[in-house]
Structure formats: C-alpha cells, structure tokens
Amino acid sequence: MTETGSVRIVESADVSPEARIGAGSSIWHLAQVREDAVLGENCIVGRGAYIGTGVVMGDNCKVQNYALVYEPARLADGVFIGPAVVLTNDTYPRAINADGTIKSAHDWEPVGVTIETGAAIGARATCVAPVTIGAWATVAAGAVVVKDVPAYALVAGVPARRIGWVGESGVPLTAGERDGIWVCPSTGARFVESDGTLIKETV
C-alpha cells in the first residue's frame, strides 16, 4: 500500500504518474488508472477496474470491481459504477479498416459516456457511447443503454427503457395524489412529471 498524502494505492495497482488522484481516494488491487485521468476527492476504484486515458471523475465516485470506464467518459460527483459495468467509447467498432489494414488510434474518433451527479449504473450494465445518464438516474443491473436517460429515471432491459422514477435515495417513487405527482417514500420529497421528464418540487 502506497499512501501519498491521503491517497491510498495498493502495490498491485497500475496508476500512471500522469494521473491526478484527489485526496482521500483509494485505488485497489489490480486496478489500472491511465495517463491524464483525473479523479476527484474520496473516490474508490475497485479491484481490476480500468479508468481510461483522460477520464474525468468528480468527488465521491465509486467504481466497483472489474468495471471498464473508457475514455473520454465524464462522471460527475457521487456517481456509482457497479461491478463489471462497461462504458464504451466507439460508435462503429472494428479491428480493421475497410481495406483490411489494422486500425490505429488515428482511424477512429473516441466518443464518451457522460454520467451526471448521483446517478448509479448497476452491475454488468453497458452504456453504449455517446449517451448521457441524467442526475440521480438508476440503470438496472444487466441493462444496455443506447439512448440518453433523463434525470431520476429508472431504466432496465435490453435495450434499456424507463420503468419508473427514483429519488436521490435510489428508492423507487410512488404515485402521488394526482396524475404526474410522484413522492419519495424514503425522504418525502415530491416530484412533478411532465413530457417524459421529472422535476423536483422546491419548498
């Protein structure tokens, strides 16, 4: 275990000296963090996880075991990436060009997955770039996301479709006293649904 300031990196992890790791963060066994990756404060990168070149993560993110976060992914504060999740970066993947020559880094344009504040991606889900996962949304385990997910949405399936709404606590919302009103059973927060989006009521 190497501790630089308050950053913890186990000996078997492969962390580029060109990566920037925020205070309080931990990089666990066999994880790889590539060049120019930027991790915020208090992040956790689990066993065998991969953080690609130039990936940016906010504060308090958790990337669980064997997740693959390919560049140029952008994760806001408080994002949860479950075990074996894949964030892709190639819209039209090929090993070779049309003429049979092997593709190089100059033969394709990486595209990223953007995940907004507090969102959670369940175990073994795949997000096919380019997509944006809205704030506080939840992607169910095993889902395949191929289009943008609105804030607070709960999506599941292949391809992923919205099956409900969730609040900041992650608990599914329940129907309120009239159509279009949703309530968090955990916090009591209220939300208004309109045209496929959900907006939290302000007090």
Protein backbone atom coordinates (compact mmCIF):
# COMPACT_ATOMS: atom_id res chain seq x y z
CA MET A 1 0.00 0.00 0.00
CA THR A 2 1.34 3.38 -1.03
CA GLU A 3 0.00 6.47 0.67
CA THR A 4 0.79 9.84 -0.88
CA GLY A 5 -0.84 12.37 1.37
CA SER A 6 -4.24 10.82 1.94
CA VAL A 7 -4.35 8.86 -1.34
CA ARG A 8 -4.16 5.06 -0.95
CA ILE A 9 -2.83 2.95 -3.83
CA VAL A 10 -2.17 -0.76 -3.32
CA GLU A 11 1.06 -2.16 -4.75
CA SER A 12 -0.63 -4.29 -7.42
CA ALA A 13 -2.49 -1.30 -8.91
CA ASP A 14 -1.13 0.35 -12.06
CA VAL A 15 -1.57 4.11 -11.71
CA SER A 16 0.09 6.41 -14.22
CA PRO A 17 2.23 9.15 -12.69
CA GLU A 18 0.44 11.46 -15.11
CA ALA A 19 -2.96 10.73 -13.50
CA ARG A 20 -4.30 13.12 -10.86
CA ILE A 21 -5.89 11.46 -7.84
CA GLY A 22 -7.84 13.55 -5.33
CA ALA A 23 -7.30 13.48 -1.58
CA GLY A 24 -8.96 10.62 0.27
CA SER A 25 -9.22 8.39 -2.81
CA SER A 26 -8.35 4.68 -2.87
CA ILE A 27 -7.13 2.55 -5.80
CA TRP A 28 -7.39 -1.17 -5.06
CA HIS A 29 -5.77 -4.41 -6.26
CA LEU A 30 -5.05 -4.81 -9.99
CA ALA A 31 -6.87 -1.61 -10.94
CA GLN A 32 -5.44 0.49 -13.76
CA VAL A 33 -5.69 4.28 -13.96
CA ARG A 34 -4.29 5.64 -17.23
CA GLU A 35 -2.47 8.82 -18.22
CA ASP A 36 -4.20 12.16 -17.68
CA ALA A 37 -7.14 10.61 -15.83
CA VAL A 38 -8.50 12.98 -13.19
CA LEU A 39 -10.19 11.57 -10.10
CA GLY A 40 -11.79 13.85 -7.54
CA GLU A 41 -11.64 13.56 -3.79
CA ASN A 42 -12.77 10.46 -1.88
CA CYS A 43 -13.15 8.25 -4.95
CA ILE A 44 -12.88 4.46 -4.81
CA VAL A 45 -11.61 2.37 -7.72
CA GLY A 46 -12.20 -1.33 -7.04
CA ARG A 47 -10.23 -4.45 -7.83
CA GLY A 48 -9.45 -4.93 -11.52
CA ALA A 49 -11.26 -1.77 -12.61
CA TYR A 50 -9.99 0.25 -15.59
CA ILE A 51 -10.03 4.04 -15.82
CA GLY A 52 -9.05 5.17 -19.33
CA THR A 53 -6.77 7.94 -20.53
CA GLY A 54 -8.19 11.36 -19.76
CA VAL A 55 -11.33 10.09 -17.99
CA VAL A 56 -12.65 12.71 -15.56
CA MET A 57 -14.41 11.74 -12.33
CA GLY A 58 -15.87 14.11 -9.76
CA ASP A 59 -15.72 13.76 -6.00
CA ASN A 60 -17.13 10.79 -4.05
CA CYS A 61 -17.43 8.41 -7.00
CA LYS A 62 -17.34 4.63 -6.62
CA VAL A 63 -16.15 2.38 -9.45
CA GLN A 64 -16.67 -1.21 -8.38
CA ASN A 65 -14.63 -4.32 -9.20
CA TYR A 66 -13.79 -5.03 -12.86
CA ALA A 67 -15.71 -2.07 -14.25
CA LEU A 68 -14.33 -0.62 -17.50
CA VAL A 69 -14.55 3.16 -17.84
CA TYR A 70 -13.19 4.01 -21.28
CA GLU A 71 -12.12 7.48 -22.33
CA PRO A 72 -13.46 10.08 -22.83
CA ALA A 73 -16.07 9.30 -20.15
CA ARG A 74 -17.11 12.09 -17.80
CA LEU A 75 -18.51 11.27 -14.34
CA ALA A 76 -19.93 13.99 -12.11
CA ASP A 77 -19.87 13.95 -8.31
CA GLY A 78 -21.30 10.97 -6.46
CA VAL A 79 -21.58 8.57 -9.40
CA PHE A 80 -21.81 4.83 -8.67
CA ILE A 81 -20.45 2.37 -11.25
CA GLY A 82 -21.35 -1.23 -10.36
CA PRO A 83 -19.24 -4.36 -10.78
CA ALA A 84 -18.31 -5.25 -14.37
CA VAL A 85 -20.06 -2.23 -15.88
CA VAL A 86 -18.78 -1.15 -19.29
CA LEU A 87 -18.80 2.44 -20.56
CA THR A 88 -17.93 2.11 -24.26
CA ASN A 89 -16.22 4.66 -26.50
CA ASP A 90 -16.51 3.52 -30.13
CA THR A 91 -19.72 4.05 -32.09
CA TYR A 92 -18.72 1.80 -35.02
CA PRO A 93 -16.15 -0.65 -33.62
CA ARG A 94 -13.83 -2.51 -35.98
CA ALA A 95 -10.40 -4.08 -35.53
CA ILE A 96 -9.51 -3.36 -39.18
CA ASN A 97 -10.27 -0.74 -41.80
CA ALA A 98 -12.34 -1.49 -44.91
CA ASP A 99 -9.13 -2.22 -46.83
CA GLY A 100 -8.08 -4.85 -44.31
CA THR A 101 -5.36 -2.80 -42.60
CA ILE A 102 -5.37 -2.82 -38.81
CA LYS A 103 -6.97 0.23 -37.25
CA SER A 104 -4.77 2.69 -35.42
CA ALA A 105 -5.65 5.44 -32.97
CA HIS A 106 -5.95 7.81 -35.94
CA ASP A 107 -8.63 5.71 -37.67
CA TRP A 108 -11.47 6.33 -35.25
CA GLU A 109 -12.88 9.06 -33.01
CA PRO A 110 -13.48 8.13 -29.37
CA VAL A 111 -16.89 9.16 -28.03
CA GLY A 112 -17.76 9.11 -24.37
CA VAL A 113 -20.46 8.36 -21.84
CA THR A 114 -21.49 11.25 -19.60
CA ILE A 115 -22.95 10.46 -16.19
CA GLU A 116 -24.43 13.28 -14.16
CA THR A 117 -24.50 13.85 -10.39
CA GLY A 118 -25.57 10.98 -8.14
CA ALA A 119 -26.52 8.54 -10.91
CA ALA A 120 -25.98 4.80 -10.44
CA ILE A 121 -25.15 2.13 -13.02
CA GLY A 122 -26.00 -1.41 -11.89
CA ALA A 123 -23.78 -4.47 -12.14
CA ARG A 124 -22.86 -5.67 -15.66
CA ALA A 125 -24.79 -2.89 -17.35
CA THR A 126 -23.37 -1.48 -20.59
CA CYS A 127 -23.68 2.15 -21.65
CA VAL A 128 -23.09 2.47 -25.41
CA ALA A 129 -21.49 5.84 -26.22
CA PRO A 130 -22.45 8.50 -26.90
CA VAL A 131 -25.12 8.65 -24.19
CA THR A 132 -25.83 10.83 -21.17
CA ILE A 133 -27.21 9.41 -17.93
CA GLY A 134 -29.10 12.15 -16.09
CA ALA A 135 -28.62 13.18 -12.48
CA TRP A 136 -29.82 10.66 -9.87
CA ALA A 137 -30.97 8.19 -12.53
CA THR A 138 -30.56 4.44 -11.95
CA VAL A 139 -29.61 1.93 -14.63
CA ALA A 140 -30.65 -1.57 -13.57
CA ALA A 141 -28.18 -4.45 -13.49
CA GLY A 142 -27.59 -6.02 -16.91
CA ALA A 143 -29.24 -3.21 -18.86
CA VAL A 144 -27.88 -1.97 -22.20
CA VAL A 145 -28.27 1.78 -22.54
CA VAL A 146 -28.32 3.05 -26.14
CA LYS A 147 -30.06 6.42 -25.70
CA ASP A 148 -29.98 9.24 -23.17
CA VAL A 149 -31.55 8.60 -19.78
CA PRO A 150 -33.42 11.51 -18.14
CA ALA A 151 -32.72 12.65 -14.60
CA TYR A 152 -34.36 10.49 -11.90
CA ALA A 153 -35.30 7.76 -14.40
CA LEU A 154 -35.14 4.07 -13.53
CA VAL A 155 -34.28 2.13 -16.68
CA ALA A 156 -33.92 -1.61 -17.29
CA GLY A 157 -33.73 -4.15 -20.09
CA VAL A 158 -32.08 -4.62 -23.47
CA PRO A 159 -32.32 -2.02 -24.84
CA ALA A 160 -32.94 -0.08 -21.63
CA ARG A 161 -36.35 1.54 -21.22
CA ARG A 162 -37.76 3.63 -18.42
CA ILE A 163 -39.77 1.53 -15.98
CA GLY A 164 -40.18 4.10 -13.22
CA TRP A 165 -38.67 7.01 -11.36
CA VAL A 166 -36.28 7.18 -8.40
CA GLY A 167 -35.30 9.92 -5.97
CA GLU A 168 -31.91 10.89 -4.61
CA SER A 169 -32.02 7.97 -2.16
CA GLY A 170 -32.38 5.49 -5.05
CA VAL A 171 -35.75 4.22 -3.82
CA PRO A 172 -38.48 3.99 -6.50
CA LEU A 173 -41.00 6.82 -6.29
CA THR A 174 -44.66 6.15 -5.59
CA ALA A 175 -47.65 7.79 -7.25
CA GLY A 176 -48.94 10.93 -5.54
CA GLU A 177 -52.45 12.21 -5.03
CA ARG A 178 -52.94 13.06 -8.70
CA ASP A 179 -51.51 12.20 -12.10
CA GLY A 180 -47.99 13.48 -12.67
CA ILE A 181 -47.11 13.73 -8.98
CA TRP A 182 -44.52 11.36 -7.52
CA VAL A 183 -43.32 11.01 -3.93
CA CYS A 184 -40.15 9.51 -2.47
CA PRO A 185 -41.17 7.06 0.29
CA SER A 186 -37.75 7.48 1.89
CA THR A 187 -37.41 11.26 2.10
CA GLY A 188 -40.91 12.56 1.40
CA ALA A 189 -39.61 14.67 -1.48
CA ARG A 190 -42.15 15.43 -4.19
CA PHE A 191 -41.66 15.48 -7.95
CA VAL A 192 -43.68 16.61 -10.97
CA GLU A 193 -43.66 14.62 -14.21
CA SER A 194 -44.14 16.46 -17.49
CA ASP A 195 -43.43 15.34 -21.05
CA GLY A 196 -41.18 12.46 -20.02
CA THR A 197 -39.11 14.43 -17.54
CA LEU A 198 -39.22 14.71 -13.77
CA ILE A 199 -38.63 17.89 -11.79
CA LYS A 200 -38.23 18.03 -8.03
CA GLU A 201 -40.59 20.41 -6.25
CA THR A 202 -38.87 23.16 -4.30
CA VAL A 203 -40.12 24.14 -0.88
